[in-house]
Amino acid sequence: MAVATSKLEFSMLCEFRNPPGWQRPFRERYYDAIDHIVWAEEIGFDCIYFTEHHFADDDYLTAPLMNAAIVADRTKRIRIGTCVLLLPLYDPVRLAEEGAFIDQLSEGRFELGFGTGYMAKEYAGFGVDWKTRGARTDEMVEIIRRLWTEESVTFHGRHFQIENARLRPKPVQSPPPIWVGGFVKAVHRRAARFGDGLLIGIDVVNEFASYQEELKALGKDPATAKASGGHQWTYVSDDPERTWDIIAPYVMYHVDTYARWGQEFYPRLSSKEELRTSGLLRVLTPEAMIGEISELRSKINLARHQFFMNPGGIPLELMREPIECFAKKVIPAFR
């Protein structure tokens, strides 16, 4: 049994869906989310993560690094990360430069969380060969980390040819933390090779165990493994049934969209009853959430707990109560 060894931090995932039927002007929805992130920092959250997808019908966030820079300018303490940035769709030198810029702007608060994605249409839209995503990712991580820490970088790989690339300014952190996200064995292997931690998803205990096995296979200490994740659609409230009923339509849309996009972990949903049966959305009392987080930390080294701040494009005024309840009644139990 792996017992948590690091300080527990608390984060939220932020997306910018603007679903049919609930649409608002994009600028209004966008700045509402930014204002709530500033508020989340004030009430005690430690990190905000930004997601990424392309060619979606609901205005899903396509520019997480640009968004991170805006949030860096609006905040003072909260860490700013991507969860996940679709790494193979980027140029590694340009990504390293932009990450360093955000890290400078935020005075050392940027974190890169990446994955390879699961939709071939995104690769087709960018003109990137879907079959090369793993190999491209491995080369890119090496290039980015070296650019963040070395004076100049020359790299000759299968997918990238780089001569004497020099990064100015360097990031404040040397280097910013790199988290690897995904559900399959190849991801755990990549996290062990290149990452500072694993962004866990569905089967969190087994995913973490697989990550530790990969660390051990590389001759690294599995006790150094740490994870960020926990409860994607689990919230807290002093009135759980009322809050569940408010959030349910948006989580149902959120989950169903993932299923339509091809994430095999999620079912197609057409009713609140189906959502309740799936167990994907839960609303707990603060005491129950404290107990669940404590139990999870007895099994894995959960360094950062997270949940979706605005699932399915829910108006954030509907999320203020569960977010504030979490900040006031759950976070203090772990300080």
C-alpha atoms as a PDB file:
ATOM      1  CA  MET A   1       0.000   0.000   0.000  1.00  0.00           C
ATOM      2  CA  ALA A   2       1.405   3.398  -1.039  1.00  0.00           C
ATOM      3  CA  VAL A   3       0.820   6.103   1.532  1.00  0.00           C
ATOM      4  CA  ALA A   4       0.823   9.755   0.481  1.00  0.00           C
ATOM      5  CA  THR A   5       4.076  11.488   1.328  1.00  0.00           C
ATOM      6  CA  SER A   6       3.640  14.941  -0.206  1.00  0.00           C
ATOM      7  CA  LYS A   7       1.609  17.932   0.846  1.00  0.00           C
ATOM      8  CA  LEU A   8      -1.879  17.778  -0.607  1.00  0.00           C
ATOM      9  CA  GLU A   9      -2.886  20.612  -2.901  1.00  0.00           C
ATOM     10  CA  PHE A  10      -6.308  21.319  -4.405  1.00  0.00           C
ATOM     11  CA  SER A  11      -7.069  22.175  -7.991  1.00  0.00           C
ATOM     12  CA  MET A  12      -9.870  22.475 -10.510  1.00  0.00           C
ATOM     13  CA  LEU A  13     -10.104  21.688 -14.211  1.00  0.00           C
ATOM     14  CA  CYS A  14     -11.516  24.521 -16.303  1.00  0.00           C
ATOM     15  CA  GLU A  15     -13.015  24.085 -19.757  1.00  0.00           C
ATOM     16  CA  PHE A  16     -14.817  26.579 -21.948  1.00  0.00           C
ATOM     17  CA  ARG A  17     -17.717  24.682 -23.480  1.00  0.00           C
ATOM     18  CA  ASN A  18     -20.607  26.742 -24.810  1.00  0.00           C
ATOM     19  CA  PRO A  19     -23.156  24.003 -25.524  1.00  0.00           C
ATOM     20  CA  PRO A  20     -26.192  24.269 -27.781  1.00  0.00           C
ATOM     21  CA  GLY A  21     -29.217  25.225 -25.718  1.00  0.00           C
ATOM     22  CA  TRP A  22     -27.121  26.993 -23.088  1.00  0.00           C
ATOM     23  CA  GLN A  23     -25.112  29.301 -25.336  1.00  0.00           C
ATOM     24  CA  ARG A  24     -23.970  32.718 -24.211  1.00  0.00           C
ATOM     25  CA  PRO A  25     -21.666  35.211 -25.950  1.00  0.00           C
ATOM     26  CA  PHE A  26     -18.235  33.598 -25.840  1.00  0.00           C
ATOM     27  CA  ARG A  27     -16.493  36.629 -24.347  1.00  0.00           C
ATOM     28  CA  GLU A  28     -19.063  36.748 -21.530  1.00  0.00           C
ATOM     29  CA  ARG A  29     -18.650  33.053 -20.744  1.00  0.00           C
ATOM     30  CA  TYR A  30     -14.873  33.272 -20.987  1.00  0.00           C
ATOM     31  CA  TYR A  31     -14.405  36.199 -18.613  1.00  0.00           C
ATOM     32  CA  ASP A  32     -16.925  34.756 -16.183  1.00  0.00           C
ATOM     33  CA  ALA A  33     -14.619  31.739 -15.875  1.00  0.00           C
ATOM     34  CA  ILE A  34     -11.540  33.945 -15.444  1.00  0.00           C
ATOM     35  CA  ASP A  35     -13.256  35.934 -12.686  1.00  0.00           C
ATOM     36  CA  HIS A  36     -14.149  32.691 -10.914  1.00  0.00           C
ATOM     37  CA  ILE A  37     -10.551  31.505 -11.113  1.00  0.00           C
ATOM     38  CA  VAL A  38      -9.429  34.718  -9.398  1.00  0.00           C
ATOM     39  CA  TRP A  39     -12.083  34.049  -6.755  1.00  0.00           C
ATOM     40  CA  ALA A  40     -10.967  30.411  -6.403  1.00  0.00           C
ATOM     41  CA  GLU A  41      -7.453  31.628  -5.640  1.00  0.00           C
ATOM     42  CA  GLU A  42      -8.809  33.942  -2.957  1.00  0.00           C
ATOM     43  CA  ILE A  43     -10.753  31.182  -1.191  1.00  0.00           C
ATOM     44  CA  GLY A  44      -7.861  28.725  -1.067  1.00  0.00           C
ATOM     45  CA  PHE A  45      -7.440  26.646  -4.221  1.00  0.00           C
ATOM     46  CA  ASP A  46      -3.843  25.944  -5.210  1.00  0.00           C
ATOM     47  CA  CYS A  47      -3.953  25.237  -8.948  1.00  0.00           C
ATOM     48  CA  ILE A  48      -6.104  25.675 -12.028  1.00  0.00           C
ATOM     49  CA  TYR A  49      -5.769  23.359 -15.025  1.00  0.00           C
ATOM     50  CA  PHE A  50      -6.888  24.123 -18.591  1.00  0.00           C
ATOM     51  CA  THR A  51      -8.055  21.506 -21.043  1.00  0.00           C
ATOM     52  CA  GLU A  52      -7.727  21.452 -24.846  1.00  0.00           C
ATOM     53  CA  HIS A  53      -9.667  20.140 -27.847  1.00  0.00           C
ATOM     54  CA  HIS A  54     -10.153  21.255 -31.427  1.00  0.00           C
ATOM     55  CA  PHE A  55     -12.941  21.325 -34.012  1.00  0.00           C
ATOM     56  CA  ALA A  56     -15.652  20.881 -31.377  1.00  0.00           C
ATOM     57  CA  ASP A  57     -19.179  22.219 -31.880  1.00  0.00           C
ATOM     58  CA  ASP A  58     -19.378  23.749 -28.403  1.00  0.00           C
ATOM     59  CA  ASP A  59     -16.470  26.243 -28.398  1.00  0.00           C
ATOM     60  CA  TYR A  60     -14.151  23.984 -26.397  1.00  0.00           C
ATOM     61  CA  LEU A  61     -10.930  25.765 -25.418  1.00  0.00           C
ATOM     62  CA  THR A  62      -8.395  25.589 -28.255  1.00  0.00           C
ATOM     63  CA  ALA A  63      -5.648  27.830 -26.835  1.00  0.00           C
ATOM     64  CA  PRO A  64      -4.723  26.708 -23.301  1.00  0.00           C
ATOM     65  CA  LEU A  65      -1.346  28.458 -23.274  1.00  0.00           C
ATOM     66  CA  MET A  66      -2.822  31.789 -24.287  1.00  0.00           C
ATOM     67  CA  ASN A  67      -5.453  31.342 -21.623  1.00  0.00           C
ATOM     68  CA  ALA A  68      -2.802  30.447 -19.039  1.00  0.00           C
ATOM     69  CA  ALA A  69      -0.963  33.688 -19.795  1.00  0.00           C
ATOM     70  CA  ILE A  70      -4.128  35.728 -19.206  1.00  0.00           C
ATOM     71  CA  VAL A  71      -4.771  33.971 -15.905  1.00  0.00           C
ATOM     72  CA  ALA A  72      -1.133  34.435 -14.873  1.00  0.00           C
ATOM     73  CA  ASP A  73      -1.619  38.172 -15.264  1.00  0.00           C
ATOM     74  CA  ARG A  74      -4.859  38.155 -13.219  1.00  0.00           C
ATOM     75  CA  THR A  75      -3.630  36.023 -10.297  1.00  0.00           C
ATOM     76  CA  LYS A  76      -0.842  36.094  -7.733  1.00  0.00           C
ATOM     77  CA  ARG A  77      -0.512  32.685  -6.062  1.00  0.00           C
ATOM     78  CA  ILE A  78      -2.448  29.932  -7.797  1.00  0.00           C
ATOM     79  CA  ARG A  79      -0.449  27.568 -10.000  1.00  0.00           C
ATOM     80  CA  ILE A  80      -1.432  27.379 -13.654  1.00  0.00           C
ATOM     81  CA  GLY A  81      -1.268  24.177 -15.640  1.00  0.00           C
ATOM     82  CA  THR A  82      -2.583  22.299 -18.647  1.00  0.00           C
ATOM     83  CA  CYS A  83      -4.538  19.070 -18.240  1.00  0.00           C
ATOM     84  CA  VAL A  84      -4.049  18.133 -20.857  1.00  0.00           C
ATOM     85  CA  LEU A  85      -2.311  19.950 -23.671  1.00  0.00           C
ATOM     86  CA  LEU A  86      -2.249  17.839 -26.855  1.00  0.00           C
ATOM     87  CA  LEU A  87       1.509  17.819 -27.218  1.00  0.00           C
ATOM     88  CA  PRO A  88       2.039  16.299 -30.707  1.00  0.00           C
ATOM     89  CA  LEU A  89       0.030  19.123 -32.290  1.00  0.00           C
ATOM     90  CA  TYR A  90       2.675  21.683 -31.266  1.00  0.00           C
ATOM     91  CA  ASP A  91       6.158  22.686 -32.323  1.00  0.00           C
ATOM     92  CA  PRO A  92       8.473  21.836 -29.402  1.00  0.00           C
ATOM     93  CA  VAL A  93      10.673  24.933 -29.606  1.00  0.00           C
ATOM     94  CA  ARG A  94       7.725  27.297 -29.823  1.00  0.00           C
ATOM     95  CA  LEU A  95       5.962  25.476 -26.985  1.00  0.00           C
ATOM     96  CA  ALA A  96       9.071  25.710 -24.812  1.00  0.00           C
ATOM     97  CA  GLU A  97       9.275  29.441 -25.520  1.00  0.00           C
ATOM     98  CA  GLU A  98       5.629  30.062 -24.671  1.00  0.00           C
ATOM     99  CA  GLY A  99       5.835  27.937 -21.525  1.00  0.00           C
ATOM    100  CA  ALA A 100       8.884  29.899 -20.393  1.00  0.00           C
ATOM    101  CA  PHE A 101       7.057  33.160 -21.065  1.00  0.00           C
ATOM    102  CA  ILE A 102       4.091  32.074 -18.919  1.00  0.00           C
ATOM    103  CA  ASP A 103       6.449  30.935 -16.181  1.00  0.00           C
ATOM    104  CA  GLN A 104       8.161  34.327 -16.187  1.00  0.00           C
ATOM    105  CA  LEU A 105       4.855  36.197 -16.275  1.00  0.00           C
ATOM    106  CA  SER A 106       3.531  34.160 -13.352  1.00  0.00           C
ATOM    107  CA  GLU A 107       6.810  34.309 -11.390  1.00  0.00           C
ATOM    108  CA  GLY A 108       7.254  30.535 -11.515  1.00  0.00           C
ATOM    109  CA  ARG A 109       3.711  29.124 -11.410  1.00  0.00           C
ATOM    110  CA  PHE A 110       3.417  27.326 -14.770  1.00  0.00           C
ATOM    111  CA  GLU A 111       3.075  23.543 -15.103  1.00  0.00           C
ATOM    112  CA  LEU A 112       2.926  21.544 -18.333  1.00  0.00           C
ATOM    113  CA  GLY A 113       0.501  18.639 -18.298  1.00  0.00           C
ATOM    114  CA  PHE A 114       0.295  16.853 -21.620  1.00  0.00           C
ATOM    115  CA  GLY A 115      -1.291  13.925 -23.389  1.00  0.00           C
ATOM    116  CA  THR A 116      -1.475  12.614 -26.930  1.00  0.00           C
ATOM    117  CA  GLY A 117      -5.252  12.815 -27.300  1.00  0.00           C
ATOM    118  CA  TYR A 118      -7.659  10.227 -28.620  1.00  0.00           C
ATOM    119  CA  MET A 119      -9.309  11.821 -31.675  1.00  0.00           C
ATOM    120  CA  ALA A 120      -7.691  11.203 -35.049  1.00  0.00           C
ATOM    121  CA  LYS A 121      -9.699  14.067 -36.572  1.00  0.00           C
ATOM    122  CA  GLU A 122      -7.699  16.573 -34.527  1.00  0.00           C
ATOM    123  CA  TYR A 123      -4.475  15.259 -36.035  1.00  0.00           C
ATOM    124  CA  ALA A 124      -5.968  15.318 -39.527  1.00  0.00           C
ATOM    125  CA  GLY A 125      -7.024  18.930 -39.028  1.00  0.00           C
ATOM    126  CA  PHE A 126      -3.473  19.904 -38.073  1.00  0.00           C
ATOM    127  CA  GLY A 127      -1.872  17.790 -40.783  1.00  0.00           C
ATOM    128  CA  VAL A 128      -0.060  15.589 -38.248  1.00  0.00           C
ATOM    129  CA  ASP A 129       0.222  11.845 -38.781  1.00  0.00           C
ATOM    130  CA  TRP A 130      -1.888  10.100 -36.122  1.00  0.00           C
ATOM    131  CA  LYS A 131       0.406   7.064 -36.163  1.00  0.00           C
ATOM    132  CA  THR A 132       3.438   9.132 -35.141  1.00  0.00           C
ATOM    133  CA  ARG A 133       1.914  10.665 -32.011  1.00  0.00           C
ATOM    134  CA  GLY A 134       3.809   8.527 -29.485  1.00  0.00           C
ATOM    135  CA  ALA A 135       7.233   8.938 -31.066  1.00  0.00           C
ATOM    136  CA  ARG A 136       6.687  12.663 -31.642  1.00  0.00           C
ATOM    137  CA  THR A 137       5.675  13.081 -28.010  1.00  0.00           C
ATOM    138  CA  ASP A 138       8.800  11.379 -26.693  1.00  0.00           C
ATOM    139  CA  GLU A 139      11.078  13.567 -28.794  1.00  0.00           C
ATOM    140  CA  MET A 140       9.194  16.710 -27.883  1.00  0.00           C
ATOM    141  CA  VAL A 141       9.417  16.168 -24.132  1.00  0.00           C
ATOM    142  CA  GLU A 142      13.171  15.726 -24.347  1.00  0.00           C
ATOM    143  CA  ILE A 143      13.541  18.866 -26.468  1.00  0.00           C
ATOM    144  CA  ILE A 144      11.326  20.995 -24.223  1.00  0.00           C
ATOM    145  CA  ARG A 145      12.989  19.929 -20.990  1.00  0.00           C
ATOM    146  CA  ARG A 146      16.451  20.507 -22.464  1.00  0.00           C
ATOM    147  CA  LEU A 147      15.483  23.951 -23.760  1.00  0.00           C
ATOM    148  CA  TRP A 148      14.222  24.875 -20.314  1.00  0.00           C
ATOM    149  CA  THR A 149      17.477  23.822 -18.631  1.00  0.00           C
ATOM    150  CA  GLU A 150      20.349  23.970 -21.161  1.00  0.00           C
ATOM    151  CA  GLU A 151      22.079  26.930 -22.790  1.00  0.00           C
ATOM    152  CA  SER A 152      21.520  25.638 -26.332  1.00  0.00           C
ATOM    153  CA  VAL A 153      20.005  22.522 -27.829  1.00  0.00           C
ATOM    154  CA  THR A 154      20.858  20.524 -30.923  1.00  0.00           C
ATOM    155  CA  PHE A 155      18.636  17.526 -31.546  1.00  0.00           C
ATOM    156  CA  HIS A 156      18.470  15.059 -34.414  1.00  0.00           C
ATOM    157  CA  GLY A 157      15.534  12.698 -34.152  1.00  0.00           C
ATOM    158  CA  ARG A 158      13.080  10.946 -36.397  1.00  0.00           C
ATOM    159  CA  HIS A 159      10.575  13.795 -36.349  1.00  0.00           C
ATOM    160  CA  PHE A 160      12.529  16.895 -35.306  1.00  0.00           C
ATOM    161  CA  GLN A 161      15.816  18.343 -36.533  1.00  0.00           C
ATOM    162  CA  ILE A 162      16.978  21.233 -34.378  1.00  0.00           C
ATOM    163  CA  GLU A 163      20.249  23.134 -34.579  1.00  0.00           C
ATOM    164  CA  ASN A 164      21.525  25.338 -31.777  1.00  0.00           C
ATOM    165  CA  ALA A 165      18.152  26.434 -30.436  1.00  0.00           C
ATOM    166  CA  ARG A 166      18.533  28.914 -27.579  1.00  0.00           C
ATOM    167  CA  LEU A 167      15.743  29.883 -25.248  1.00  0.00           C
ATOM    168  CA  ARG A 168      15.470  33.401 -23.838  1.00  0.00           C
ATOM    169  CA  PRO A 169      14.089  34.086 -21.368  1.00  0.00           C
ATOM    170  CA  LYS A 170      14.474  30.861 -19.477  1.00  0.00           C
ATOM    171  CA  PRO A 171      11.615  29.896 -17.178  1.00  0.00           C
ATOM    172  CA  VAL A 172      11.822  30.889 -13.533  1.00  0.00           C
ATOM    173  CA  GLN A 173      11.536  27.227 -12.547  1.00  0.00           C
ATOM    174  CA  SER A 174      14.321  24.997 -13.785  1.00  0.00           C
ATOM    175  CA  PRO A 175      12.347  23.385 -15.266  1.00  0.00           C
ATOM    176  CA  PRO A 176       8.600  23.826 -14.742  1.00  0.00           C
ATOM    177  CA  PRO A 177       6.939  20.583 -13.585  1.00  0.00           C
ATOM    178  CA  ILE A 178       5.886  18.194 -16.346  1.00  0.00           C
ATOM    179  CA  TRP A 179       2.854  15.962 -15.771  1.00  0.00           C
ATOM    180  CA  VAL A 180       1.831  13.153 -18.106  1.00  0.00           C
ATOM    181  CA  GLY A 181      -1.842  12.321 -18.592  1.00  0.00           C
ATOM    182  CA  GLY A 182      -3.680   9.309 -19.965  1.00  0.00           C
ATOM    183  CA  PHE A 183      -5.163   5.963 -19.042  1.00  0.00           C
ATOM    184  CA  VAL A 184      -3.053   3.326 -20.841  1.00  0.00           C
ATOM    185  CA  LYS A 185       0.196   1.504 -20.079  1.00  0.00           C
ATOM    186  CA  ALA A 186       2.163   3.495 -22.651  1.00  0.00           C
ATOM    187  CA  VAL A 187       1.256   6.692 -20.798  1.00  0.00           C
ATOM    188  CA  HIS A 188       2.474   5.282 -17.482  1.00  0.00           C
ATOM    189  CA  ARG A 189       5.733   4.310 -19.177  1.00  0.00           C
ATOM    190  CA  ARG A 190       6.107   7.808 -20.595  1.00  0.00           C
ATOM    191  CA  ALA A 191       5.360   9.387 -17.222  1.00  0.00           C
ATOM    192  CA  ALA A 192       8.060   7.238 -15.629  1.00  0.00           C
ATOM    193  CA  ARG A 193      10.592   8.211 -18.293  1.00  0.00           C
ATOM    194  CA  PHE A 194       9.910  11.898 -18.692  1.00  0.00           C
ATOM    195  CA  GLY A 195       7.435  13.211 -16.150  1.00  0.00           C
ATOM    196  CA  ASP A 196       7.380  14.606 -12.650  1.00  0.00           C
ATOM    197  CA  GLY A 197       4.032  12.977 -11.965  1.00  0.00           C
ATOM    198  CA  LEU A 198       0.971  11.271 -13.424  1.00  0.00           C
ATOM    199  CA  LEU A 199      -2.373  12.887 -14.197  1.00  0.00           C
ATOM    200  CA  ILE A 200      -4.663  10.042 -13.172  1.00  0.00           C
ATOM    201  CA  GLY A 201      -8.077   9.529 -14.689  1.00  0.00           C
ATOM    202  CA  ILE A 202     -10.624   6.790 -14.102  1.00  0.00           C
ATOM    203  CA  ASP A 203      -9.199   3.742 -12.340  1.00  0.00           C
ATOM    204  CA  VAL A 204      -6.906   5.828 -10.170  1.00  0.00           C
ATOM    205  CA  VAL A 205      -5.457   3.192  -7.833  1.00  0.00           C
ATOM    206  CA  ASN A 206      -4.569   0.749 -10.601  1.00  0.00           C
ATOM    207  CA  GLU A 207      -3.259   3.516 -12.854  1.00  0.00           C
ATOM    208  CA  PHE A 208      -0.961   4.671 -10.070  1.00  0.00           C
ATOM    209  CA  ALA A 209       0.248   1.112  -9.421  1.00  0.00           C
ATOM    210  CA  SER A 210       1.050   0.713 -13.126  1.00  0.00           C
ATOM    211  CA  TYR A 211       2.997   3.993 -13.040  1.00  0.00           C
ATOM    212  CA  GLN A 212       5.010   2.764 -10.071  1.00  0.00           C
ATOM    213  CA  GLU A 213       5.785  -0.486 -11.898  1.00  0.00           C
ATOM    214  CA  GLU A 214       7.170   1.491 -14.820  1.00  0.00           C
ATOM    215  CA  LEU A 215       9.343   3.578 -12.506  1.00  0.00           C
ATOM    216  CA  LYS A 216      10.715   0.412 -10.956  1.00  0.00           C
ATOM    217  CA  ALA A 217      11.423  -1.096 -14.383  1.00  0.00           C
ATOM    218  CA  LEU A 218      13.558   1.958 -15.196  1.00  0.00           C
ATOM    219  CA  GLY A 219      15.536   1.584 -11.984  1.00  0.00           C
ATOM    220  CA  LYS A 220      13.796   4.549 -10.362  1.00  0.00           C
ATOM    221  CA  ASP A 221      12.362   4.619  -6.875  1.00  0.00           C
ATOM    222  CA  PRO A 222       8.596   3.912  -7.069  1.00  0.00           C
ATOM    223  CA  ALA A 223       8.207   5.782  -3.797  1.00  0.00           C
ATOM    224  CA  THR A 224       8.872   9.012  -5.718  1.00  0.00           C
ATOM    225  CA  ALA A 225       5.657   8.573  -7.725  1.00  0.00           C
ATOM    226  CA  LYS A 226       3.015  11.243  -7.275  1.00  0.00           C
ATOM    227  CA  ALA A 227      -0.368  11.832  -8.850  1.00  0.00           C
ATOM    228  CA  SER A 228      -2.820  14.604  -9.606  1.00  0.00           C
ATOM    229  CA  GLY A 229      -6.494  13.724  -9.976  1.00  0.00           C
ATOM    230  CA  GLY A 230      -9.106  12.195  -7.773  1.00  0.00           C
ATOM    231  CA  HIS A 231     -12.742  13.143  -8.267  1.00  0.00           C
ATOM    232  CA  GLN A 232     -13.617  14.510 -11.707  1.00  0.00           C
ATOM    233  CA  TRP A 233     -17.353  14.933 -11.117  1.00  0.00           C
ATOM    234  CA  THR A 234     -17.616  14.569  -7.342  1.00  0.00           C
ATOM    235  CA  TYR A 235     -18.673  17.695  -5.472  1.00  0.00           C
ATOM    236  CA  VAL A 236     -19.595  18.718  -1.953  1.00  0.00           C
ATOM    237  CA  SER A 237     -22.668  20.436  -0.584  1.00  0.00           C
ATOM    238  CA  ASP A 238     -24.658  20.850   2.591  1.00  0.00           C
ATOM    239  CA  ASP A 239     -27.664  19.843   0.474  1.00  0.00           C
ATOM    240  CA  PRO A 240     -26.318  17.056  -1.794  1.00  0.00           C
ATOM    241  CA  GLU A 241     -29.582  16.101  -3.498  1.00  0.00           C
ATOM    242  CA  ARG A 242     -30.417  19.669  -4.474  1.00  0.00           C
ATOM    243  CA  THR A 243     -26.896  20.276  -5.795  1.00  0.00           C
ATOM    244  CA  TRP A 244     -26.845  16.970  -7.697  1.00  0.00           C
ATOM    245  CA  ASP A 245     -30.061  17.903  -9.456  1.00  0.00           C
ATOM    246  CA  ILE A 246     -28.663  21.309 -10.482  1.00  0.00           C
ATOM    247  CA  ILE A 247     -25.379  19.979 -11.848  1.00  0.00           C
ATOM    248  CA  ALA A 248     -26.723  16.795 -13.447  1.00  0.00           C
ATOM    249  CA  PRO A 249     -27.809  18.127 -16.890  1.00  0.00           C
ATOM    250  CA  TYR A 250     -24.376  19.644 -17.495  1.00  0.00           C
ATOM    251  CA  VAL A 251     -22.392  16.601 -16.370  1.00  0.00           C
ATOM    252  CA  MET A 252     -24.702  14.445 -18.485  1.00  0.00           C
ATOM    253  CA  TYR A 253     -23.813  16.574 -21.515  1.00  0.00           C
ATOM    254  CA  HIS A 254     -20.130  16.493 -20.556  1.00  0.00           C
ATOM    255  CA  VAL A 255     -19.977  12.701 -20.204  1.00  0.00           C
ATOM    256  CA  ASP A 256     -22.089  12.060 -23.286  1.00  0.00           C
ATOM    257  CA  THR A 257     -19.821  14.301 -25.355  1.00  0.00           C
ATOM    258  CA  TYR A 258     -16.764  12.317 -24.287  1.00  0.00           C
ATOM    259  CA  ALA A 259     -18.582   9.117 -25.242  1.00  0.00           C
ATOM    260  CA  ARG A 260     -19.482  10.538 -28.671  1.00  0.00           C
ATOM    261  CA  TRP A 261     -15.864  11.573 -29.167  1.00  0.00           C
ATOM    262  CA  GLY A 262     -14.769   7.987 -28.674  1.00  0.00           C
ATOM    263  CA  GLN A 263     -13.673   7.781 -25.044  1.00  0.00           C
ATOM    264  CA  GLU A 264     -14.612   4.183 -24.349  1.00  0.00           C
ATOM    265  CA  PHE A 265     -14.549   4.723 -20.588  1.00  0.00           C
ATOM    266  CA  TYR A 266     -17.786   6.704 -20.691  1.00  0.00           C
ATOM    267  CA  PRO A 267     -21.359   5.661 -21.548  1.00  0.00           C
ATOM    268  CA  ARG A 268     -23.840   7.460 -23.780  1.00  0.00           C
ATOM    269  CA  LEU A 269     -26.370   9.175 -21.522  1.00  0.00           C
ATOM    270  CA  SER A 270     -29.872  10.415 -22.257  1.00  0.00           C
ATOM    271  CA  SER A 271     -31.419  10.928 -18.812  1.00  0.00           C
ATOM    272  CA  LYS A 272     -30.642  11.875 -15.242  1.00  0.00           C
ATOM    273  CA  GLU A 273     -31.574   8.349 -14.214  1.00  0.00           C
ATOM    274  CA  GLU A 274     -28.873   6.909 -16.456  1.00  0.00           C
ATOM    275  CA  LEU A 275     -26.373   9.393 -15.050  1.00  0.00           C
ATOM    276  CA  ARG A 276     -27.266   8.447 -11.469  1.00  0.00           C
ATOM    277  CA  THR A 277     -26.947   4.747 -12.275  1.00  0.00           C
ATOM    278  CA  SER A 278     -23.508   5.321 -13.831  1.00  0.00           C
ATOM    279  CA  GLY A 279     -22.211   6.823 -10.563  1.00  0.00           C
ATOM    280  CA  LEU A 280     -20.120   9.342 -12.485  1.00  0.00           C
ATOM    281  CA  LEU A 281     -21.698  12.382 -10.811  1.00  0.00           C
ATOM    282  CA  ARG A 282     -21.770  12.347  -7.028  1.00  0.00           C
ATOM    283  CA  VAL A 283     -22.419  15.080  -4.484  1.00  0.00           C
ATOM    284  CA  LEU A 284     -21.183  14.323  -0.976  1.00  0.00           C
ATOM    285  CA  THR A 285     -21.312  16.049   2.359  1.00  0.00           C
ATOM    286  CA  PRO A 286     -18.012  17.723   3.283  1.00  0.00           C
ATOM    287  CA  GLU A 287     -17.372  15.042   5.905  1.00  0.00           C
ATOM    288  CA  ALA A 288     -17.840  12.248   3.366  1.00  0.00           C
ATOM    289  CA  MET A 289     -15.495  13.941   0.901  1.00  0.00           C
ATOM    290  CA  ILE A 290     -12.819  14.365   3.561  1.00  0.00           C
ATOM    291  CA  GLY A 291     -13.127  10.659   4.289  1.00  0.00           C
ATOM    292  CA  GLU A 292     -12.832   9.675   0.622  1.00  0.00           C
ATOM    293  CA  ILE A 293      -9.793  11.849   0.006  1.00  0.00           C
ATOM    294  CA  SER A 294      -8.115  10.506   3.145  1.00  0.00           C
ATOM    295  CA  GLU A 295      -8.795   6.936   2.054  1.00  0.00           C
ATOM    296  CA  LEU A 296      -7.401   7.600  -1.417  1.00  0.00           C
ATOM    297  CA  ARG A 297      -4.265   9.124   0.075  1.00  0.00           C
ATOM    298  CA  SER A 298      -3.765   5.949   2.099  1.00  0.00           C
ATOM    299  CA  LYS A 299      -3.505   4.057  -1.198  1.00  0.00           C
ATOM    300  CA  ILE A 300      -1.606   6.414  -3.514  1.00  0.00           C
ATOM    301  CA  ASN A 301       0.594   9.460  -3.202  1.00  0.00           C
ATOM    302  CA  LEU A 302      -2.062  11.973  -4.218  1.00  0.00           C
ATOM    303  CA  ALA A 303      -0.170  15.229  -4.439  1.00  0.00           C
ATOM    304  CA  ARG A 304      -3.027  17.229  -5.914  1.00  0.00           C
ATOM    305  CA  HIS A 305      -6.774  16.651  -5.801  1.00  0.00           C
ATOM    306  CA  GLN A 306      -8.894  17.959  -8.664  1.00  0.00           C
ATOM    307  CA  PHE A 307     -12.409  18.195 -10.053  1.00  0.00           C
ATOM    308  CA  PHE A 308     -14.102  19.987 -12.951  1.00  0.00           C
ATOM    309  CA  MET A 309     -14.878  23.606 -12.111  1.00  0.00           C
ATOM    310  CA  ASN A 310     -17.475  24.127 -14.850  1.00  0.00           C
ATOM    311  CA  PRO A 311     -18.527  20.766 -16.310  1.00  0.00           C
ATOM    312  CA  GLY A 312     -20.450  20.898 -19.538  1.00  0.00           C
ATOM    313  CA  GLY A 313     -20.443  24.677 -19.652  1.00  0.00           C
ATOM    314  CA  ILE A 314     -22.553  25.086 -16.512  1.00  0.00           C
ATOM    315  CA  PRO A 315     -23.121  28.748 -15.583  1.00  0.00           C
ATOM    316  CA  LEU A 316     -20.635  29.361 -12.816  1.00  0.00           C
ATOM    317  CA  GLU A 317     -23.145  31.057 -10.554  1.00  0.00           C
ATOM    318  CA  LEU A 318     -24.603  27.553 -10.165  1.00  0.00           C
ATOM    319  CA  MET A 319     -21.210  26.208  -9.087  1.00  0.00           C
ATOM    320  CA  ARG A 320     -20.340  28.818  -6.494  1.00  0.00           C
ATOM    321  CA  GLU A 321     -21.997  26.962  -3.615  1.00  0.00           C
ATOM    322  CA  PRO A 322     -20.255  23.590  -4.119  1.00  0.00           C
ATOM    323  CA  ILE A 323     -16.912  25.243  -4.884  1.00  0.00           C
ATOM    324  CA  GLU A 324     -17.100  27.476  -1.814  1.00  0.00           C
ATOM    325  CA  CYS A 325     -18.307  24.598   0.347  1.00  0.00           C
ATOM    326  CA  PHE A 326     -15.273  22.584  -0.729  1.00  0.00           C
ATOM    327  CA  ALA A 327     -12.920  25.485   0.005  1.00  0.00           C
ATOM    328  CA  LYS A 328     -14.372  26.242   3.437  1.00  0.00           C
ATOM    329  CA  LYS A 329     -15.137  22.749   4.716  1.00  0.00           C
ATOM    330  CA  VAL A 330     -12.819  20.294   2.939  1.00  0.00           C
ATOM    331  CA  ILE A 331      -9.531  22.067   2.180  1.00  0.00           C
ATOM    332  CA  PRO A 332      -8.929  23.162   5.824  1.00  0.00           C
ATOM    333  CA  ALA A 333      -9.022  19.509   6.935  1.00  0.00           C
ATOM    334  CA  PHE A 334      -5.789  18.908   4.993  1.00  0.00           C
ATOM    335  CA  ARG A 335      -3.880  22.070   5.874  1.00  0.00           C
END
